[in-house]
Amino acid sequence: MLTFTKTLRAAVVGLALVGTAVTAMPAQAQPSVQFGFSFGDRGGGWYGGGRPDRHCMSDRDVRQMLRWQGYRDIRFTDRRGRIVQARAERGPRDYRITVDSCRGRIVDVDRIRRR
């Protein structure tokens, strides 16, 4: 017959075994917890919209991110795939900016000479 003490002891032993198994896993195989947020239901954005690429930022989100970084007059030159390229101004200079829209990061920034 199970008692509260035996059930509690079995639960503690089970948690210890699970903890041992998780710490023995390589870093790539360990479980992770992720969360996301959405900017309304625009059919894009992070974790919103229900499209297959819903984890990637929309062009609108990329433009907003670049504005937050101080860029203006943003013009997309390549929007294919998750890597997006744009030209923009920051101060008196022009830049070619490469953005990973799925990770929400600026990958590369190159200064462009004005003609």
Protein backbone atom coordinates (compact mmCIF):
# COMPACT_ATOMS: atom_id res chain seq x y z
CA MET A 1 0.00 0.00 0.00
CA LEU A 2 1.32 3.42 -0.93
CA THR A 3 1.61 6.02 1.74
CA PHE A 4 2.36 9.68 1.43
CA THR A 5 5.94 9.14 2.60
CA LYS A 6 6.60 6.40 0.05
CA THR A 7 5.04 8.46 -2.75
CA LEU A 8 7.12 11.50 -1.80
CA ARG A 9 10.31 9.40 -1.64
CA ALA A 10 9.57 7.92 -5.08
CA ALA A 11 8.99 11.40 -6.52
CA VAL A 12 12.29 12.70 -5.11
CA VAL A 13 14.20 9.70 -6.49
CA GLY A 14 12.52 10.18 -9.89
CA LEU A 15 13.44 13.87 -10.01
CA ALA A 16 17.02 13.06 -9.05
CA LEU A 17 17.24 10.53 -11.90
CA VAL A 18 15.81 13.02 -14.40
CA GLY A 19 18.22 15.71 -13.19
CA THR A 20 21.15 13.35 -13.59
CA ALA A 21 20.07 12.39 -17.12
CA VAL A 22 19.64 16.03 -18.19
CA THR A 23 23.05 17.13 -16.87
CA ALA A 24 24.70 14.21 -18.65
CA MET A 25 23.32 15.31 -22.04
CA PRO A 26 25.46 17.34 -24.45
CA ALA A 27 24.61 21.04 -24.58
CA GLN A 28 22.82 20.72 -27.94
CA ALA A 29 20.45 18.02 -26.67
CA GLN A 30 19.43 19.67 -23.41
CA PRO A 31 15.85 20.91 -23.30
CA SER A 32 15.25 24.64 -23.60
CA VAL A 33 12.39 26.98 -22.88
CA GLN A 34 11.46 29.71 -25.36
CA PHE A 35 8.86 32.43 -25.36
CA GLY A 36 7.82 35.02 -27.88
CA PHE A 37 5.65 38.04 -28.42
CA SER A 38 3.58 39.43 -31.24
CA PHE A 39 2.96 42.89 -32.67
CA GLY A 40 -0.73 42.27 -33.36
CA ASP A 41 -1.98 39.94 -36.07
CA ARG A 42 -0.24 41.38 -39.16
CA GLY A 43 0.68 38.05 -40.72
CA GLY A 44 4.31 38.31 -39.72
CA GLY A 45 6.34 39.37 -36.75
CA TRP A 46 7.72 37.13 -34.09
CA TYR A 47 5.53 34.13 -33.23
CA GLY A 48 2.45 35.76 -34.76
CA GLY A 49 0.29 35.51 -37.83
CA GLY A 50 0.23 31.74 -38.45
CA ARG A 51 2.43 31.74 -41.58
CA PRO A 52 5.14 29.05 -42.00
CA ASP A 53 7.84 31.68 -41.47
CA ARG A 54 6.09 33.09 -38.42
CA HIS A 55 9.29 33.07 -36.36
CA CYS A 56 10.91 35.63 -38.66
CA MET A 57 10.41 39.38 -38.60
CA SER A 58 8.34 41.01 -41.32
CA ASP A 59 9.76 43.83 -43.46
CA ARG A 60 7.88 46.25 -41.25
CA ASP A 61 9.53 44.83 -38.11
CA VAL A 62 13.00 44.99 -39.73
CA ARG A 63 12.39 48.62 -40.72
CA GLN A 64 11.30 49.46 -37.16
CA MET A 65 14.38 47.75 -35.70
CA LEU A 66 16.66 49.76 -38.00
CA ARG A 67 14.87 52.97 -37.04
CA TRP A 68 15.49 52.16 -33.37
CA GLN A 69 19.18 51.81 -34.24
CA GLY A 70 19.18 55.36 -35.69
CA TYR A 71 18.90 54.61 -39.42
CA ARG A 72 16.56 56.57 -41.69
CA ASP A 73 15.54 56.53 -45.35
CA ILE A 74 15.56 52.71 -45.31
CA ARG A 75 15.31 51.00 -48.74
CA PHE A 76 15.27 47.22 -49.06
CA THR A 77 17.55 45.85 -51.78
CA ASP A 78 17.07 42.10 -51.18
CA ARG A 79 14.17 40.56 -49.25
CA ARG A 80 14.56 36.90 -50.24
CA GLY A 81 14.85 34.39 -47.42
CA ARG A 82 15.75 35.09 -43.82
CA ILE A 83 18.74 37.31 -44.64
CA VAL A 84 17.49 40.77 -45.67
CA GLN A 85 19.62 43.58 -47.12
CA ALA A 86 18.81 47.27 -47.03
CA ARG A 87 20.42 50.65 -47.70
CA ALA A 88 19.92 53.38 -45.14
CA GLU A 89 21.33 56.65 -43.88
CA ARG A 90 22.69 57.29 -40.43
CA GLY A 91 24.01 60.77 -39.89
CA PRO A 92 25.71 62.06 -43.02
CA ARG A 93 26.67 58.56 -44.27
CA ASP A 94 24.99 55.75 -46.25
CA TYR A 95 25.19 52.11 -45.19
CA ARG A 96 24.42 48.66 -46.60
CA ILE A 97 22.89 46.67 -43.75
CA THR A 98 22.41 42.90 -43.64
CA VAL A 99 19.79 41.63 -41.16
CA ASP A 100 18.95 38.09 -40.06
CA SER A 101 15.18 38.51 -39.80
CA CYS A 102 14.64 35.22 -37.97
CA ARG A 103 17.10 36.03 -35.18
CA GLY A 104 16.32 39.74 -35.16
CA ARG A 105 19.98 40.74 -35.46
CA ILE A 106 22.04 43.01 -37.65
CA VAL A 107 24.61 40.69 -39.22
CA ASP A 108 26.77 43.17 -41.15
CA VAL A 109 27.03 46.91 -41.76
CA ASP A 110 29.11 48.35 -44.63
CA ARG A 111 29.62 52.05 -45.22
CA ILE A 112 28.83 53.12 -48.80
CA ARG A 113 30.38 56.11 -50.53
CA ARG A 114 27.89 58.62 -51.87
CA ARG A 115 27.99 59.42 -55.55
